[in-house]
Structures are given as structure tokens and as C-alpha cells.
């Protein structure tokens, strides 16, 4: 993937998607069919104030964002649309009150749908996944409307 295209994706993901902007998402790495995102810790993302564990919905948001962003790397126009059709999440261990990384990787790409695998973990502990997922994303291409 060309550097100027990577910069466009980075700008869209960090500054133009309201949910990602609110979460403070930062793109760490991007390539065709792959993305690595940093989700900075904020106290608002705690689900259990007694144990200081991250909310499951926040982890789901991170995984969905990573899978969808990986799917977006297959867009052929700025006007193409990518949307989640289905997502499956397995929560493996509690997320601590720290930053998380979410990675998405496309494992199947068709004309109108893309399947991504996702993983979420703390930056200092890549081998201990907090949650994993698989998502199916629709891709509606501008050229299909003609």
C-alpha cells in the first residue's frame, strides 16, 4: 500500500470517524488487508468500577473497528461503503485499566463481502489476548451503482 494512501486511511480513522475520534484511536500500522490500532485508556471505558476492568462493549468496539478498518483497505473509491454484517467475539480474560491494541486481518475478500479476524490485547502483553473476534463486512462499491 502506498504511503499517501496509508496517510489518507490514517486521517479518516483518527479524525473523521466520530466513534474512533472519541476513543482517541491511533493507527500504528496499516497495509492491504491489515491494521493495528491503539485504543488509549480512559476511565470512561471501565465496566466494573470495583475491579477496574474494561467494559466488554469497549472491547467489542475495538474489535469491530479493527475488522472494519482492515476491510476498508479493499475500498476502490472514497465513496465506497463498508458496514458490519455480523461479528462474533470471544472474551478470553478481563481487560485491565490500560491501553489496548486491536489488530484486524482480512482472511477472505469477495466482491460484496469481506471476512476479518481480530484480536485485542495490552501493548506489553501480546501473547495474552483479551478478546478475539471474526467479522463479516459488506462492501458497497460506488461503481456498482452505475
N, C-alpha and C. Protein backbone atom coordinates (compact mmCIF):
# COMPACT_ATOMS: atom_id res chain seq x y z
N UNK A 1 0.86 -1.18 0.00
CA UNK A 1 0.00 0.00 0.00
C UNK A 1 0.90 1.23 0.00
N UNK A 2 0.59 2.18 -0.87
CA UNK A 2 1.39 3.39 -1.00
C UNK A 2 1.26 4.27 0.25
N UNK A 3 2.34 5.01 0.55
CA UNK A 3 2.36 5.85 1.74
C UNK A 3 1.26 6.92 1.75
N UNK A 4 0.96 7.51 0.59
CA UNK A 4 -0.09 8.54 0.56
C UNK A 4 -1.47 7.93 0.86
N UNK A 5 -1.71 6.71 0.42
CA UNK A 5 -2.97 6.01 0.72
C UNK A 5 -3.02 5.68 2.21
N UNK A 6 -1.91 5.26 2.78
CA UNK A 6 -1.85 4.99 4.22
C UNK A 6 -2.19 6.26 5.02
N UNK A 7 -1.67 7.40 4.57
CA UNK A 7 -1.95 8.66 5.26
C UNK A 7 -3.43 9.04 5.18
N UNK A 8 -4.05 8.78 4.05
CA UNK A 8 -5.48 9.05 3.90
C UNK A 8 -6.28 8.18 4.88
N UNK A 9 -5.97 6.89 4.93
CA UNK A 9 -6.66 5.98 5.87
C UNK A 9 -6.44 6.43 7.30
N UNK A 10 -5.21 6.78 7.62
CA UNK A 10 -4.90 7.22 8.98
C UNK A 10 -5.73 8.44 9.34
N UNK A 11 -5.81 9.40 8.45
CA UNK A 11 -6.60 10.61 8.70
C UNK A 11 -8.08 10.27 8.89
N UNK A 12 -8.61 9.43 8.04
CA UNK A 12 -10.03 9.06 8.15
C UNK A 12 -10.29 8.36 9.48
N UNK A 13 -9.46 7.39 9.82
CA UNK A 13 -9.68 6.62 11.04
C UNK A 13 -9.48 7.45 12.31
N UNK A 14 -8.52 8.33 12.31
CA UNK A 14 -8.22 9.09 13.53
C UNK A 14 -9.05 10.37 13.67
N UNK A 15 -9.49 10.94 12.56
CA UNK A 15 -10.11 12.26 12.63
C UNK A 15 -11.52 12.39 12.07
N UNK A 16 -11.97 11.42 11.28
CA UNK A 16 -13.26 11.59 10.62
C UNK A 16 -14.35 10.62 11.08
N UNK A 17 -13.99 9.55 11.72
CA UNK A 17 -14.99 8.61 12.24
C UNK A 17 -15.26 9.01 13.69
N UNK A 18 -16.45 9.54 13.98
CA UNK A 18 -16.71 10.10 15.31
C UNK A 18 -16.41 9.15 16.48
N UNK A 19 -16.79 7.89 16.39
CA UNK A 19 -16.55 6.96 17.49
C UNK A 19 -15.05 6.76 17.72
N UNK A 20 -14.30 6.59 16.64
CA UNK A 20 -12.86 6.40 16.76
C UNK A 20 -12.19 7.66 17.30
N UNK A 21 -12.67 8.81 16.86
CA UNK A 21 -12.13 10.08 17.34
C UNK A 21 -12.39 10.23 18.84
N UNK A 22 -13.61 9.90 19.28
CA UNK A 22 -13.97 9.97 20.69
C UNK A 22 -13.07 9.04 21.53
N UNK A 23 -12.81 7.85 21.01
CA UNK A 23 -11.98 6.87 21.73
C UNK A 23 -10.50 7.24 21.67
N UNK A 24 -10.11 8.15 20.79
CA UNK A 24 -8.71 8.55 20.68
C UNK A 24 -7.86 7.55 19.92
N UNK A 25 -8.47 6.81 19.01
CA UNK A 25 -7.78 5.76 18.26
C UNK A 25 -6.60 6.32 17.49
N UNK A 26 -5.49 5.58 17.51
CA UNK A 26 -4.29 5.91 16.75
C UNK A 26 -3.91 4.72 15.88
N UNK A 27 -3.62 4.99 14.62
CA UNK A 27 -3.19 3.94 13.70
C UNK A 27 -1.70 3.69 13.92
N UNK A 28 -1.35 2.47 14.27
CA UNK A 28 0.05 2.11 14.48
C UNK A 28 0.67 1.48 13.24
N UNK A 29 -0.14 0.72 12.49
CA UNK A 29 0.36 0.06 11.29
C UNK A 29 -0.82 -0.22 10.37
N UNK A 30 -0.60 -0.10 9.08
CA UNK A 30 -1.66 -0.37 8.12
C UNK A 30 -1.04 -0.87 6.83
N UNK A 31 -1.70 -1.84 6.24
CA UNK A 31 -1.31 -2.36 4.94
C UNK A 31 -2.55 -2.99 4.32
N UNK A 32 -2.48 -3.40 3.09
CA UNK A 32 -3.63 -4.01 2.43
C UNK A 32 -4.09 -5.22 3.24
N UNK A 33 -5.33 -5.17 3.74
CA UNK A 33 -5.91 -6.28 4.48
C UNK A 33 -5.46 -6.39 5.93
N UNK A 34 -4.79 -5.37 6.45
CA UNK A 34 -4.28 -5.45 7.84
C UNK A 34 -4.27 -4.07 8.48
N UNK A 35 -4.58 -4.04 9.78
CA UNK A 35 -4.46 -2.79 10.54
C UNK A 35 -4.14 -3.11 12.00
N UNK A 36 -3.41 -2.21 12.61
CA UNK A 36 -3.09 -2.28 14.03
C UNK A 36 -3.42 -0.93 14.64
N UNK A 37 -4.35 -0.94 15.61
CA UNK A 37 -4.85 0.29 16.21
C UNK A 37 -4.56 0.34 17.71
N UNK A 38 -4.23 1.52 18.20
CA UNK A 38 -4.07 1.76 19.63
C UNK A 38 -5.33 2.44 20.14
N UNK A 39 -5.90 1.89 21.21
CA UNK A 39 -7.03 2.49 21.90
C UNK A 39 -6.53 2.93 23.27
N UNK A 40 -6.26 4.24 23.43
CA UNK A 40 -5.74 4.74 24.71
C UNK A 40 -6.76 4.54 25.84
N UNK A 41 -6.24 4.22 27.01
CA UNK A 41 -7.10 4.02 28.18
C UNK A 41 -7.72 5.34 28.61
N UNK A 42 -8.99 5.27 28.97
CA UNK A 42 -9.71 6.37 29.61
C UNK A 42 -10.62 5.76 30.66
N UNK A 43 -10.79 6.44 31.75
CA UNK A 43 -11.61 5.93 32.85
C UNK A 43 -13.05 5.66 32.41
N UNK A 44 -13.53 6.39 31.41
CA UNK A 44 -14.90 6.19 30.91
C UNK A 44 -15.11 4.80 30.30
N UNK A 45 -14.04 4.08 30.00
CA UNK A 45 -14.15 2.77 29.38
C UNK A 45 -14.15 1.62 30.38
N UNK A 46 -14.20 1.95 31.66
CA UNK A 46 -14.27 0.93 32.71
C UNK A 46 -15.70 0.39 32.79
N UNK A 47 -15.83 -0.93 32.88
CA UNK A 47 -17.14 -1.55 33.01
C UNK A 47 -17.48 -1.91 34.44
N UNK A 48 -16.47 -2.25 35.23
CA UNK A 48 -16.68 -2.61 36.63
C UNK A 48 -15.77 -1.73 37.49
N UNK A 49 -16.34 -0.73 38.18
CA UNK A 49 -15.50 0.19 38.95
C UNK A 49 -14.81 -0.46 40.14
N UNK A 50 -15.34 -1.59 40.61
CA UNK A 50 -14.70 -2.26 41.74
C UNK A 50 -13.39 -2.92 41.35
N UNK A 51 -13.38 -3.56 40.19
CA UNK A 51 -12.17 -4.28 39.77
C UNK A 51 -11.36 -3.51 38.73
N UNK A 52 -11.88 -2.37 38.25
CA UNK A 52 -11.20 -1.55 37.23
C UNK A 52 -10.94 -2.35 35.95
N UNK A 53 -11.94 -3.10 35.52
CA UNK A 53 -11.83 -3.87 34.27
C UNK A 53 -12.54 -3.14 33.15
N UNK A 54 -12.01 -3.28 31.92
CA UNK A 54 -12.60 -2.61 30.77
C UNK A 54 -13.97 -3.19 30.44
N UNK A 55 -14.85 -2.34 29.95
CA UNK A 55 -16.20 -2.74 29.56
C UNK A 55 -16.14 -3.61 28.31
N UNK A 56 -16.95 -4.67 28.29
CA UNK A 56 -16.99 -5.57 27.15
C UNK A 56 -17.41 -4.87 25.86
N UNK A 57 -18.27 -3.88 25.97
CA UNK A 57 -18.69 -3.12 24.79
C UNK A 57 -17.56 -2.31 24.20
N UNK A 58 -16.66 -1.84 25.05
CA UNK A 58 -15.49 -1.11 24.57
C UNK A 58 -14.57 -2.06 23.81
N UNK A 59 -14.39 -3.26 24.32
CA UNK A 59 -13.57 -4.26 23.62
C UNK A 59 -14.23 -4.64 22.30
N UNK A 60 -15.55 -4.77 22.29
CA UNK A 60 -16.27 -5.07 21.05
C UNK A 60 -16.08 -3.95 20.03
N UNK A 61 -16.11 -2.71 20.51
CA UNK A 61 -15.89 -1.55 19.64
C UNK A 61 -14.49 -1.60 19.03
N UNK A 62 -13.50 -1.95 19.84
CA UNK A 62 -12.12 -2.04 19.34
C UNK A 62 -12.00 -3.12 18.27
N UNK A 63 -12.60 -4.28 18.53
CA UNK A 63 -12.51 -5.38 17.55
C UNK A 63 -13.27 -5.04 16.27
N UNK A 64 -14.47 -4.49 16.40
CA UNK A 64 -15.26 -4.11 15.23
C UNK A 64 -14.52 -3.05 14.41
N UNK A 65 -13.92 -2.10 15.09
CA UNK A 65 -13.16 -1.05 14.41
C UNK A 65 -11.98 -1.63 13.63
N UNK A 66 -11.27 -2.55 14.25
CA UNK A 66 -10.10 -3.15 13.59
C UNK A 66 -10.52 -4.00 12.39
N UNK A 67 -11.56 -4.80 12.56
CA UNK A 67 -12.03 -5.63 11.44
C UNK A 67 -12.56 -4.80 10.30
N UNK A 68 -13.34 -3.77 10.62
CA UNK A 68 -13.88 -2.89 9.59
C UNK A 68 -12.80 -2.08 8.90
N UNK A 69 -11.82 -1.62 9.65
CA UNK A 69 -10.73 -0.85 9.06
C UNK A 69 -9.89 -1.71 8.13
N UNK A 70 -9.65 -2.96 8.52
CA UNK A 70 -8.92 -3.88 7.63
C UNK A 70 -9.72 -4.10 6.34
N UNK A 71 -11.04 -4.23 6.47
CA UNK A 71 -11.90 -4.37 5.28
C UNK A 71 -11.85 -3.12 4.41
N UNK A 72 -11.77 -1.95 5.05
CA UNK A 72 -11.73 -0.69 4.31
C UNK A 72 -10.51 -0.59 3.38
N UNK A 73 -9.46 -1.32 3.68
CA UNK A 73 -8.27 -1.26 2.83
C UNK A 73 -8.55 -1.84 1.44
N UNK A 74 -9.70 -2.48 1.26
CA UNK A 74 -10.09 -3.01 -0.05
C UNK A 74 -11.03 -2.07 -0.80
N UNK A 75 -11.29 -0.90 -0.25
CA UNK A 75 -12.11 0.08 -0.96
C UNK A 75 -11.38 0.54 -2.22
N UNK A 76 -12.16 0.81 -3.26
CA UNK A 76 -11.56 1.29 -4.51
C UNK A 76 -11.89 2.75 -4.77
N UNK A 77 -12.74 3.33 -3.89
CA UNK A 77 -13.14 4.74 -4.02
C UNK A 77 -13.46 5.27 -2.63
N UNK A 78 -13.26 6.55 -2.43
CA UNK A 78 -13.62 7.20 -1.18
C UNK A 78 -15.11 7.09 -0.92
N UNK A 79 -15.89 6.90 -1.96
CA UNK A 79 -17.35 6.82 -1.85
C UNK A 79 -17.86 5.41 -1.60
N UNK A 80 -16.99 4.40 -1.58
CA UNK A 80 -17.41 3.04 -1.23
C UNK A 80 -17.87 3.02 0.22
N UNK A 81 -18.77 2.11 0.55
CA UNK A 81 -19.26 1.95 1.92
C UNK A 81 -18.87 0.58 2.47
N UNK A 82 -18.42 0.57 3.71
CA UNK A 82 -18.14 -0.68 4.43
C UNK A 82 -18.99 -0.67 5.69
N UNK A 83 -19.69 -1.78 5.94
CA UNK A 83 -20.55 -1.87 7.12
C UNK A 83 -20.48 -3.28 7.71
N UNK A 84 -20.61 -3.36 9.02
CA UNK A 84 -20.60 -4.66 9.70
C UNK A 84 -21.90 -5.39 9.42
N UNK A 85 -21.78 -6.65 8.99
CA UNK A 85 -22.95 -7.52 8.81
C UNK A 85 -23.11 -8.39 10.05
N UNK A 86 -22.01 -8.97 10.49
CA UNK A 86 -22.06 -9.90 11.61
C UNK A 86 -20.70 -9.88 12.31
N UNK A 87 -20.72 -10.06 13.62
CA UNK A 87 -19.47 -10.11 14.38
C UNK A 87 -19.62 -11.11 15.51
N UNK A 88 -18.58 -11.88 15.71
CA UNK A 88 -18.54 -12.87 16.79
C UNK A 88 -17.34 -12.52 17.66
N UNK A 89 -17.56 -12.42 18.97
CA UNK A 89 -16.49 -12.07 19.89
C UNK A 89 -16.39 -13.10 20.99
N UNK A 90 -15.18 -13.52 21.28
CA UNK A 90 -14.89 -14.38 22.42
C UNK A 90 -14.04 -13.58 23.40
N UNK A 91 -14.58 -13.37 24.60
CA UNK A 91 -13.85 -12.67 25.65
C UNK A 91 -13.03 -13.70 26.41
N UNK A 92 -11.71 -13.53 26.40
CA UNK A 92 -10.81 -14.54 26.95
C UNK A 92 -10.34 -14.23 28.36
N UNK A 93 -10.16 -12.97 28.67
CA UNK A 93 -9.72 -12.56 30.02
C UNK A 93 -10.10 -11.10 30.22
N UNK A 94 -10.18 -10.65 31.46
CA UNK A 94 -10.56 -9.26 31.70
C UNK A 94 -9.50 -8.29 31.17
N UNK A 95 -9.98 -7.20 30.61
CA UNK A 95 -9.08 -6.13 30.18
C UNK A 95 -8.77 -5.24 31.36
N UNK A 96 -7.50 -4.95 31.55
CA UNK A 96 -7.07 -4.10 32.67
C UNK A 96 -7.24 -2.63 32.31
N UNK A 97 -7.17 -1.78 33.30
CA UNK A 97 -7.30 -0.33 33.11
C UNK A 97 -6.02 0.21 32.48
N UNK A 98 -5.81 -0.16 31.21
CA UNK A 98 -4.62 0.24 30.46
C UNK A 98 -4.99 0.36 28.99
N UNK A 99 -4.07 0.90 28.21
CA UNK A 99 -4.26 0.95 26.76
C UNK A 99 -4.47 -0.46 26.21
N UNK A 100 -5.14 -0.53 25.06
CA UNK A 100 -5.27 -1.80 24.36
C UNK A 100 -4.90 -1.61 22.89
N UNK A 101 -4.49 -2.70 22.29
CA UNK A 101 -4.20 -2.77 20.87
C UNK A 101 -5.27 -3.68 20.25
N UNK A 102 -5.78 -3.27 19.10
CA UNK A 102 -6.69 -4.12 18.33
C UNK A 102 -6.11 -4.28 16.93
N UNK A 103 -5.98 -5.53 16.49
CA UNK A 103 -5.48 -5.82 15.15
C UNK A 103 -6.59 -6.48 14.36
N UNK A 104 -6.65 -6.14 13.09
CA UNK A 104 -7.60 -6.77 12.18
C UNK A 104 -6.87 -7.26 10.94
N UNK A 105 -7.27 -8.45 10.50
CA UNK A 105 -6.64 -9.04 9.31
C UNK A 105 -7.73 -9.66 8.44
N UNK A 106 -7.75 -9.28 7.17
CA UNK A 106 -8.72 -9.84 6.23
C UNK A 106 -8.30 -11.26 5.90
N UNK A 107 -9.27 -12.19 6.03
CA UNK A 107 -8.97 -13.59 5.70
C UNK A 107 -9.73 -14.06 4.46
N UNK A 108 -10.74 -13.29 4.03
CA UNK A 108 -11.48 -13.62 2.82
C UNK A 108 -12.05 -12.34 2.24
N UNK A 109 -11.85 -12.16 0.94
CA UNK A 109 -12.35 -10.96 0.29
C UNK A 109 -13.10 -11.37 -0.97
N UNK A 110 -14.37 -10.96 -1.03
CA UNK A 110 -15.22 -11.21 -2.19
C UNK A 110 -15.68 -9.86 -2.74
N UNK A 111 -16.43 -9.89 -3.78
CA UNK A 111 -16.88 -8.64 -4.42
C UNK A 111 -17.71 -7.79 -3.47
N UNK A 112 -18.60 -8.41 -2.69
CA UNK A 112 -19.52 -7.64 -1.84
C UNK A 112 -19.37 -7.92 -0.35
N UNK A 113 -18.46 -8.80 0.03
CA UNK A 113 -18.27 -9.07 1.46
C UNK A 113 -16.81 -9.39 1.76
N UNK A 114 -16.45 -9.09 3.00
CA UNK A 114 -15.09 -9.30 3.48
C UNK A 114 -15.17 -9.91 4.87
N UNK A 115 -14.32 -10.90 5.14
CA UNK A 115 -14.26 -11.51 6.46
C UNK A 115 -12.91 -11.16 7.09
N UNK A 116 -12.97 -10.67 8.33
CA UNK A 116 -11.75 -10.30 9.06
C UNK A 116 -11.67 -11.07 10.37
N UNK A 117 -10.45 -11.36 10.77
CA UNK A 117 -10.19 -11.88 12.12
C UNK A 117 -9.55 -10.76 12.92
N UNK A 118 -9.95 -10.67 14.19
CA UNK A 118 -9.45 -9.59 15.02
C UNK A 118 -8.95 -10.14 16.36
N UNK A 119 -8.03 -9.38 16.96
CA UNK A 119 -7.51 -9.73 18.28
C UNK A 119 -7.28 -8.43 19.05
N UNK A 120 -7.49 -8.50 20.36
CA UNK A 120 -7.32 -7.34 21.24
C UNK A 120 -6.42 -7.76 22.41
N UNK A 121 -5.45 -6.92 22.74
CA UNK A 121 -4.50 -7.25 23.81
C UNK A 121 -3.89 -5.97 24.37
N UNK A 122 -3.22 -6.08 25.50
CA UNK A 122 -2.50 -4.93 26.06
C UNK A 122 -1.14 -4.83 25.36
N UNK A 123 -0.65 -3.62 25.10
CA UNK A 123 0.59 -3.44 24.35
C UNK A 123 1.80 -4.20 24.90
N UNK A 124 1.86 -4.36 26.20
CA UNK A 124 3.03 -5.02 26.80
C UNK A 124 2.82 -6.53 26.97
N UNK A 125 1.73 -7.07 26.45
CA UNK A 125 1.45 -8.50 26.65
C UNK A 125 0.73 -9.09 25.45
N UNK A 126 1.38 -9.07 24.30
CA UNK A 126 0.80 -9.55 23.03
C UNK A 126 0.34 -11.01 23.10
N UNK A 127 1.00 -11.81 23.90
CA UNK A 127 0.68 -13.24 23.97
C UNK A 127 -0.55 -13.56 24.79
N UNK A 128 -1.11 -12.57 25.50
CA UNK A 128 -2.30 -12.81 26.31
C UNK A 128 -3.46 -12.00 25.74
N UNK A 129 -4.15 -12.59 24.79
CA UNK A 129 -5.28 -11.90 24.15
C UNK A 129 -6.39 -11.68 25.16
N UNK A 130 -6.97 -10.49 25.13
CA UNK A 130 -8.12 -10.17 25.98
C UNK A 130 -9.39 -10.68 25.31
N UNK A 131 -9.48 -10.47 24.00
CA UNK A 131 -10.64 -10.91 23.23
C UNK A 131 -10.22 -11.15 21.79
N UNK A 132 -10.93 -12.06 21.14
CA UNK A 132 -10.71 -12.33 19.73
C UNK A 132 -12.07 -12.27 19.03
N UNK A 133 -12.04 -12.06 17.74
CA UNK A 133 -13.30 -11.99 17.03
C UNK A 133 -13.15 -12.29 15.56
N UNK A 134 -14.29 -12.47 14.94
CA UNK A 134 -14.37 -12.64 13.50
C UNK A 134 -15.56 -11.83 13.04
N UNK A 135 -15.37 -11.05 11.99
CA UNK A 135 -16.45 -10.19 11.49
C UNK A 135 -16.65 -10.36 10.00
N UNK A 136 -17.90 -10.18 9.60
CA UNK A 136 -18.25 -10.16 8.18
C UNK A 136 -18.70 -8.73 7.88
N UNK A 137 -18.12 -8.16 6.85
CA UNK A 137 -18.38 -6.78 6.49
C UNK A 137 -18.86 -6.70 5.04
N UNK A 138 -19.90 -5.93 4.82
CA UNK A 138 -20.35 -5.70 3.44
C UNK A 138 -19.51 -4.57 2.87
N UNK A 139 -19.30 -4.64 1.57
CA UNK A 139 -18.63 -3.54 0.90
C UNK A 139 -19.47 -3.19 -0.33
N UNK A 140 -19.98 -1.98 -0.31
CA UNK A 140 -20.79 -1.48 -1.42
C UNK A 140 -19.93 -0.50 -2.19
N UNK A 141 -19.63 -0.89 -3.40
CA UNK A 141 -18.74 -0.09 -4.22
C UNK A 141 -19.52 0.94 -5.03
N UNK A 142 -18.97 2.13 -5.14
CA UNK A 142 -19.60 3.21 -5.91
C UNK A 142 -19.86 2.74 -7.35
N UNK A 143 -18.92 2.01 -7.91
CA UNK A 143 -19.03 1.56 -9.30
C UNK A 143 -20.22 0.62 -9.50
N UNK A 144 -20.71 -0.05 -8.44
CA UNK A 144 -21.86 -0.94 -8.56
C UNK A 144 -23.16 -0.18 -8.77
N UNK A 145 -23.17 1.10 -8.45
CA UNK A 145 -24.38 1.92 -8.56
C UNK A 145 -24.62 2.38 -9.98
N UNK A 146 -23.62 2.30 -10.83
CA UNK A 146 -23.74 2.79 -12.20
C UNK A 146 -24.54 1.85 -13.08
